[in-house]
């Protein structure tokens, strides 16, 4: 009987440890996702032409009549 109690307790402890590891992994994943969303919002809120690179310019989306 004592062996059954010990093995059951050990099994429960292992199960709880695995669950804690999965919860930690989930929290890290959620945190990374939140950071990526924050970075996306921050980059979208930057004024055009602020040195963010890419094809973002002050005249994006406007029609320009350029004669060469």
PDB file of N, CA and C in Angstrom:
ATOM      1  N   UNK A   1       0.823  -1.191   0.000  1.00  0.00           N
ATOM      2  CA  UNK A   1       0.000   0.000   0.000  1.00  0.00           C
ATOM      3  C   UNK A   1       0.869   1.256   0.000  1.00  0.00           C
ATOM      4  N   UNK A   2       1.935   1.257   0.765  1.00  0.00           N
ATOM      5  CA  UNK A   2       2.800   2.427   0.827  1.00  0.00           C
ATOM      6  C   UNK A   2       3.409   2.711  -0.538  1.00  0.00           C
ATOM      7  N   UNK A   3       3.721   1.675  -1.289  1.00  0.00           N
ATOM      8  CA  UNK A   3       4.291   1.847  -2.617  1.00  0.00           C
ATOM      9  C   UNK A   3       3.284   2.518  -3.550  1.00  0.00           C
ATOM     10  N   UNK A   4       2.016   2.156  -3.430  1.00  0.00           N
ATOM     11  CA  UNK A   4       0.978   2.768  -4.265  1.00  0.00           C
ATOM     12  C   UNK A   4       0.855   4.255  -3.980  1.00  0.00           C
ATOM     13  N   UNK A   5       0.898   4.637  -2.703  1.00  0.00           N
ATOM     14  CA  UNK A   5       0.775   6.043  -2.331  1.00  0.00           C
ATOM     15  C   UNK A   5       1.973   6.829  -2.847  1.00  0.00           C
ATOM     16  N   UNK A   6       3.164   6.240  -2.724  1.00  0.00           N
ATOM     17  CA  UNK A   6       4.377   6.913  -3.179  1.00  0.00           C
ATOM     18  C   UNK A   6       4.362   7.100  -4.694  1.00  0.00           C
ATOM     19  N   UNK A   7       4.003   6.051  -5.405  1.00  0.00           N
ATOM     20  CA  UNK A   7       4.003   6.154  -6.861  1.00  0.00           C
ATOM     21  C   UNK A   7       2.911   7.119  -7.335  1.00  0.00           C
ATOM     22  N   UNK A   8       1.792   7.155  -6.653  1.00  0.00           N
ATOM     23  CA  UNK A   8       0.720   8.087  -7.015  1.00  0.00           C
ATOM     24  C   UNK A   8       1.154   9.526  -6.757  1.00  0.00           C
ATOM     25  N   UNK A   9       1.823   9.738  -5.617  1.00  0.00           N
ATOM     26  CA  UNK A   9       2.305  11.084  -5.305  1.00  0.00           C
ATOM     27  C   UNK A   9       3.372  11.527  -6.290  1.00  0.00           C
ATOM     28  N   UNK A  10       4.264  10.604  -6.636  1.00  0.00           N
ATOM     29  CA  UNK A  10       5.312  10.912  -7.596  1.00  0.00           C
ATOM     30  C   UNK A  10       4.706  11.228  -8.957  1.00  0.00           C
ATOM     31  N   UNK A  11       3.726  10.435  -9.360  1.00  0.00           N
ATOM     32  CA  UNK A  11       3.055  10.680 -10.637  1.00  0.00           C
ATOM     33  C   UNK A  11       2.359  12.024 -10.652  1.00  0.00           C
ATOM     34  N   UNK A  12       1.716  12.381  -9.547  1.00  0.00           N
ATOM     35  CA  UNK A  12       1.042  13.673  -9.462  1.00  0.00           C
ATOM     36  C   UNK A  12       2.048  14.810  -9.517  1.00  0.00           C
ATOM     37  N   UNK A  13       3.178  14.644  -8.836  1.00  0.00           N
ATOM     38  CA  UNK A  13       4.213  15.682  -8.842  1.00  0.00           C
ATOM     39  C   UNK A  13       4.778  15.869 -10.246  1.00  0.00           C
ATOM     40  N   UNK A  14       5.001  14.774 -10.950  1.00  0.00           N
ATOM     41  CA  UNK A  14       5.517  14.863 -12.319  1.00  0.00           C
ATOM     42  C   UNK A  14       4.493  15.545 -13.222  1.00  0.00           C
ATOM     43  N   UNK A  15       3.225  15.193 -13.048  1.00  0.00           N
ATOM     44  CA  UNK A  15       2.161  15.811 -13.837  1.00  0.00           C
ATOM     45  C   UNK A  15       2.069  17.307 -13.589  1.00  0.00           C
ATOM     46  N   UNK A  16       2.193  17.707 -12.328  1.00  0.00           N
ATOM     47  CA  UNK A  16       2.140  19.125 -11.997  1.00  0.00           C
ATOM     48  C   UNK A  16       3.339  19.868 -12.578  1.00  0.00           C
ATOM     49  N   UNK A  17       4.492  19.234 -12.560  1.00  0.00           N
ATOM     50  CA  UNK A  17       5.696  19.857 -13.115  1.00  0.00           C
ATOM     51  C   UNK A  17       5.552  20.057 -14.621  1.00  0.00           C
ATOM     52  N   UNK A  18       5.003  19.056 -15.300  1.00  0.00           N
ATOM     53  CA  UNK A  18       4.790  19.175 -16.741  1.00  0.00           C
ATOM     54  C   UNK A  18       3.780  20.284 -17.044  1.00  0.00           C
ATOM     55  N   UNK A  19       2.728  20.347 -16.250  1.00  0.00           N
ATOM     56  CA  UNK A  19       1.722  21.388 -16.450  1.00  0.00           C
ATOM     57  C   UNK A  19       2.324  22.777 -16.235  1.00  0.00           C
ATOM     58  N   UNK A  20       3.197  22.903 -15.243  1.00  0.00           N
ATOM     59  CA  UNK A  20       3.855  24.188 -14.988  1.00  0.00           C
ATOM     60  C   UNK A  20       4.736  24.582 -16.168  1.00  0.00           C
ATOM     61  N   UNK A  21       5.445  23.601 -16.719  1.00  0.00           N
ATOM     62  CA  UNK A  21       6.279  23.875 -17.889  1.00  0.00           C
ATOM     63  C   UNK A  21       5.458  24.320 -19.081  1.00  0.00           C
ATOM     64  N   UNK A  22       4.308  23.698 -19.292  1.00  0.00           N
ATOM     65  CA  UNK A  22       3.442  24.095 -20.403  1.00  0.00           C
ATOM     66  C   UNK A  22       2.873  25.485 -20.164  1.00  0.00           C
ATOM     67  N   UNK A  23       2.512  25.791 -18.936  1.00  0.00           N
ATOM     68  CA  UNK A  23       1.991  27.125 -18.617  1.00  0.00           C
ATOM     69  C   UNK A  23       3.068  28.183 -18.830  1.00  0.00           C
ATOM     70  N   UNK A  24       4.299  27.885 -18.426  1.00  0.00           N
ATOM     71  CA  UNK A  24       5.411  28.821 -18.643  1.00  0.00           C
ATOM     72  C   UNK A  24       5.627  29.059 -20.138  1.00  0.00           C
ATOM     73  N   UNK A  25       5.574  27.988 -20.916  1.00  0.00           N
ATOM     74  CA  UNK A  25       5.754  28.113 -22.364  1.00  0.00           C
ATOM     75  C   UNK A  25       4.639  28.973 -22.958  1.00  0.00           C
ATOM     76  N   UNK A  26       3.416  28.750 -22.513  1.00  0.00           N
ATOM     77  CA  UNK A  26       2.281  29.530 -23.006  1.00  0.00           C
ATOM     78  C   UNK A  26       2.417  31.005 -22.671  1.00  0.00           C
ATOM     79  N   UNK A  27       2.886  31.296 -21.465  1.00  0.00           N
ATOM     80  CA  UNK A  27       3.060  32.692 -21.077  1.00  0.00           C
ATOM     81  C   UNK A  27       4.159  33.360 -21.903  1.00  0.00           C
ATOM     82  N   UNK A  28       5.247  32.636 -22.170  1.00  0.00           N
ATOM     83  CA  UNK A  28       6.323  33.196 -22.999  1.00  0.00           C
ATOM     84  C   UNK A  28       5.809  33.484 -24.406  1.00  0.00           C
ATOM     85  N   UNK A  29       5.009  32.557 -24.942  1.00  0.00           N
ATOM     86  CA  UNK A  29       4.461  32.733 -26.284  1.00  0.00           C
ATOM     87  C   UNK A  29       3.532  33.939 -26.337  1.00  0.00           C
ATOM     88  N   UNK A  30       2.669  34.070 -25.338  1.00  0.00           N
ATOM     89  CA  UNK A  30       1.753  35.215 -25.290  1.00  0.00           C
ATOM     90  C   UNK A  30       2.523  36.519 -25.157  1.00  0.00           C
ATOM     91  N   UNK A  31       3.588  36.505 -24.358  1.00  0.00           N
ATOM     92  CA  UNK A  31       4.395  37.707 -24.166  1.00  0.00           C
ATOM     93  C   UNK A  31       5.074  38.120 -25.470  1.00  0.00           C
ATOM     94  N   UNK A  32       5.611  37.140 -26.195  1.00  0.00           N
ATOM     95  CA  UNK A  32       6.249  37.446 -27.478  1.00  0.00           C
ATOM     96  C   UNK A  32       5.241  38.006 -28.467  1.00  0.00           C
ATOM     97  N   UNK A  33       4.049  37.424 -28.475  1.00  0.00           N
ATOM     98  CA  UNK A  33       3.006  37.904 -29.374  1.00  0.00           C
ATOM     99  C   UNK A  33       2.625  39.341 -29.036  1.00  0.00           C
ATOM    100  N   UNK A  34       2.502  39.636 -27.753  1.00  0.00           N
ATOM    101  CA  UNK A  34       2.161  40.999 -27.331  1.00  0.00           C
ATOM    102  C   UNK A  34       3.266  41.974 -27.717  1.00  0.00           C
ATOM    103  N   UNK A  35       4.512  41.563 -27.588  1.00  0.00           N
ATOM    104  CA  UNK A  35       5.631  42.434 -27.963  1.00  0.00           C
ATOM    105  C   UNK A  35       5.626  42.710 -29.467  1.00  0.00           C
ATOM    106  N   UNK A  36       5.336  41.687 -30.268  1.00  0.00           N
ATOM    107  CA  UNK A  36       5.290  41.873 -31.718  1.00  0.00           C
ATOM    108  C   UNK A  36       4.156  42.821 -32.102  1.00  0.00           C
ATOM    109  N   UNK A  37       3.007  42.679 -31.442  1.00  0.00           N
ATOM    110  CA  UNK A  37       1.891  43.570 -31.734  1.00  0.00           C
ATOM    111  C   UNK A  37       2.246  44.999 -31.339  1.00  0.00           C
ATOM    112  N   UNK A  38       2.917  45.160 -30.218  1.00  0.00           N
ATOM    113  CA  UNK A  38       3.306  46.502 -29.780  1.00  0.00           C
ATOM    114  C   UNK A  38       4.282  47.125 -30.761  1.00  0.00           C
ATOM    115  N   UNK A  39       5.225  46.331 -31.259  1.00  0.00           N
ATOM    116  CA  UNK A  39       6.180  46.841 -32.245  1.00  0.00           C
ATOM    117  C   UNK A  39       5.470  47.240 -33.535  1.00  0.00           C
ATOM    118  N   UNK A  40       4.485  46.449 -33.945  1.00  0.00           N
ATOM    119  CA  UNK A  40       3.743  46.770 -35.165  1.00  0.00           C
ATOM    120  C   UNK A  40       2.977  48.071 -34.995  1.00  0.00           C
ATOM    121  N   UNK A  41       2.329  48.246 -33.858  1.00  0.00           N
ATOM    122  CA  UNK A  41       1.578  49.478 -33.600  1.00  0.00           C
ATOM    123  C   UNK A  41       2.522  50.666 -33.549  1.00  0.00           C
ATOM    124  N   UNK A  42       3.653  50.499 -32.890  1.00  0.00           N
ATOM    125  CA  UNK A  42       4.628  51.586 -32.789  1.00  0.00           C
ATOM    126  C   UNK A  42       5.125  52.003 -34.167  1.00  0.00           C
ATOM    127  N   UNK A  43       5.423  51.027 -35.027  1.00  0.00           N
ATOM    128  CA  UNK A  43       5.917  51.372 -36.362  1.00  0.00           C
ATOM    129  C   UNK A  43       4.829  52.016 -37.202  1.00  0.00           C
ATOM    130  N   UNK A  44       3.582  51.619 -37.005  1.00  0.00           N
ATOM    131  CA  UNK A  44       2.488  52.234 -37.766  1.00  0.00           C
ATOM    132  C   UNK A  44       2.225  53.662 -37.313  1.00  0.00           C
ATOM    133  N   UNK A  45       2.494  53.951 -36.059  1.00  0.00           N
ATOM    134  CA  UNK A  45       2.220  55.282 -35.531  1.00  0.00           C
ATOM    135  C   UNK A  45       3.353  56.274 -35.770  1.00  0.00           C
ATOM    136  N   UNK A  46       4.487  55.807 -36.286  1.00  0.00           N
ATOM    137  CA  UNK A  46       5.594  56.715 -36.565  1.00  0.00           C
ATOM    138  C   UNK A  46       5.218  57.622 -37.725  1.00  0.00           C
ATOM    139  N   UNK A  47       5.595  58.890 -37.664  1.00  0.00           N
ATOM    140  CA  UNK A  47       5.308  59.780 -38.784  1.00  0.00           C
ATOM    141  C   UNK A  47       6.055  59.342 -40.036  1.00  0.00           C
ATOM    142  N   UNK A  48       5.455  59.598 -41.186  1.00  0.00           N
ATOM    143  CA  UNK A  48       6.072  59.200 -42.449  1.00  0.00           C
ATOM    144  C   UNK A  48       7.403  59.918 -42.629  1.00  0.00           C
ATOM    145  N   UNK A  49       8.363  59.203 -43.177  1.00  0.00           N
ATOM    146  CA  UNK A  49       9.677  59.787 -43.430  1.00  0.00           C
ATOM    147  C   UNK A  49      10.520  59.954 -42.191  1.00  0.00           C
ATOM    148  N   UNK A  50      10.221  59.206 -41.147  1.00  0.00           N
ATOM    149  CA  UNK A  50      10.977  59.348 -39.901  1.00  0.00           C
ATOM    150  C   UNK A  50      12.195  58.435 -39.858  1.00  0.00           C
ATOM    151  N   UNK A  51      12.602  57.967 -41.015  1.00  0.00           N
ATOM    152  CA  UNK A  51      13.789  57.115 -41.040  1.00  0.00           C
ATOM    153  C   UNK A  51      13.473  55.664 -40.755  1.00  0.00           C
ATOM    154  N   UNK A  52      12.215  55.262 -40.893  1.00  0.00           N
ATOM    155  CA  UNK A  52      11.862  53.876 -40.617  1.00  0.00           C
ATOM    156  C   UNK A  52      12.229  52.964 -41.774  1.00  0.00           C
ATOM    157  N   UNK A  53      12.615  53.545 -42.923  1.00  0.00           N
ATOM    158  CA  UNK A  53      13.060  52.737 -44.046  1.00  0.00           C
ATOM    159  C   UNK A  53      11.891  52.251 -44.883  1.00  0.00           C
ATOM    160  N   UNK A  54      12.173  51.362 -45.804  1.00  0.00           N
ATOM    161  CA  UNK A  54      11.134  50.829 -46.659  1.00  0.00           C
ATOM    162  C   UNK A  54      10.658  51.863 -47.667  1.00  0.00           C
ATOM    163  N   UNK A  55       9.427  51.716 -48.093  1.00  0.00           N
ATOM    164  CA  UNK A  55       8.890  52.625 -49.094  1.00  0.00           C
ATOM    165  C   UNK A  55       7.946  53.662 -48.475  1.00  0.00           C
ATOM    166  N   UNK A  56       8.157  54.004 -47.248  1.00  0.00           N
ATOM    167  CA  UNK A  56       7.315  54.983 -46.565  1.00  0.00           C
ATOM    168  C   UNK A  56       7.859  56.379 -46.864  1.00  0.00           C
ATOM    169  N   UNK A  57       7.044  57.190 -47.506  1.00  0.00           N
ATOM    170  CA  UNK A  57       7.452  58.561 -47.804  1.00  0.00           C
ATOM    171  C   UNK A  57       6.334  59.512 -47.413  1.00  0.00           C
ATOM    172  N   UNK A  58       6.655  60.790 -47.371  1.00  0.00           N
ATOM    173  CA  UNK A  58       5.669  61.794 -46.986  1.00  0.00           C
ATOM    174  C   UNK A  58       4.578  61.934 -48.032  1.00  0.00           C
ATOM    175  N   UNK A  59       4.833  61.507 -49.275  1.00  0.00           N
ATOM    176  CA  UNK A  59       3.857  61.668 -50.354  1.00  0.00           C
ATOM    177  C   UNK A  59       3.197  60.356 -50.736  1.00  0.00           C
ATOM    178  N   UNK A  60       3.324  59.365 -49.941  1.00  0.00           N
ATOM    179  CA  UNK A  60       2.742  58.067 -50.267  1.00  0.00           C
ATOM    180  C   UNK A  60       1.226  58.188 -50.387  1.00  0.00           C
ATOM    181  N   UNK A  61       0.687  57.642 -51.467  1.00  0.00           N
ATOM    182  CA  UNK A  61      -0.740  57.651 -51.672  1.00  0.00           C
ATOM    183  C   UNK A  61      -1.255  58.909 -52.337  1.00  0.00           C
ATOM    184  N   UNK A  62      -0.379  59.842 -52.666  1.00  0.00           N
ATOM    185  CA  UNK A  62      -0.808  61.080 -53.339  1.00  0.00           C
ATOM    186  C   UNK A  62      -0.404  61.019 -54.802  1.00  0.00           C
ATOM    187  N   UNK A  63      -1.189  61.688 -55.637  1.00  0.00           N
ATOM    188  CA  UNK A  63      -0.852  61.757 -57.059  1.00  0.00           C
ATOM    189  C   UNK A  63       0.088  62.930 -57.278  1.00  0.00           C
ATOM    190  N   UNK A  64       1.226  62.662 -57.904  1.00  0.00           N
ATOM    191  CA  UNK A  64       2.196  63.698 -58.178  1.00  0.00           C
ATOM    192  C   UNK A  64       2.328  63.872 -59.686  1.00  0.00           C
ATOM    193  N   UNK A  65       2.302  65.102 -60.128  1.00  0.00           N
ATOM    194  CA  UNK A  65       2.547  65.394 -61.537  1.00  0.00           C
ATOM    195  C   UNK A  65       3.999  65.833 -61.673  1.00  0.00           C
ATOM    196  N   UNK A  66       4.815  64.905 -62.142  1.00  0.00           N
ATOM    197  CA  UNK A  66       6.240  65.196 -62.281  1.00  0.00           C
ATOM    198  C   UNK A  66       6.569  65.246 -63.764  1.00  0.00           C
ATOM    199  N   UNK A  67       7.076  66.389 -64.201  1.00  0.00           N
ATOM    200  CA  UNK A  67       7.449  66.551 -65.607  1.00  0.00           C
ATOM    201  C   UNK A  67       8.965  66.582 -65.692  1.00  0.00           C
ATOM    202  N   UNK A  68       9.507  65.742 -66.548  1.00  0.00           N
ATOM    203  CA  UNK A  68      10.958  65.665 -66.684  1.00  0.00           C
ATOM    204  C   UNK A  68      11.369  66.221 -68.029  1.00  0.00           C
TER     205      UNK A  68
END
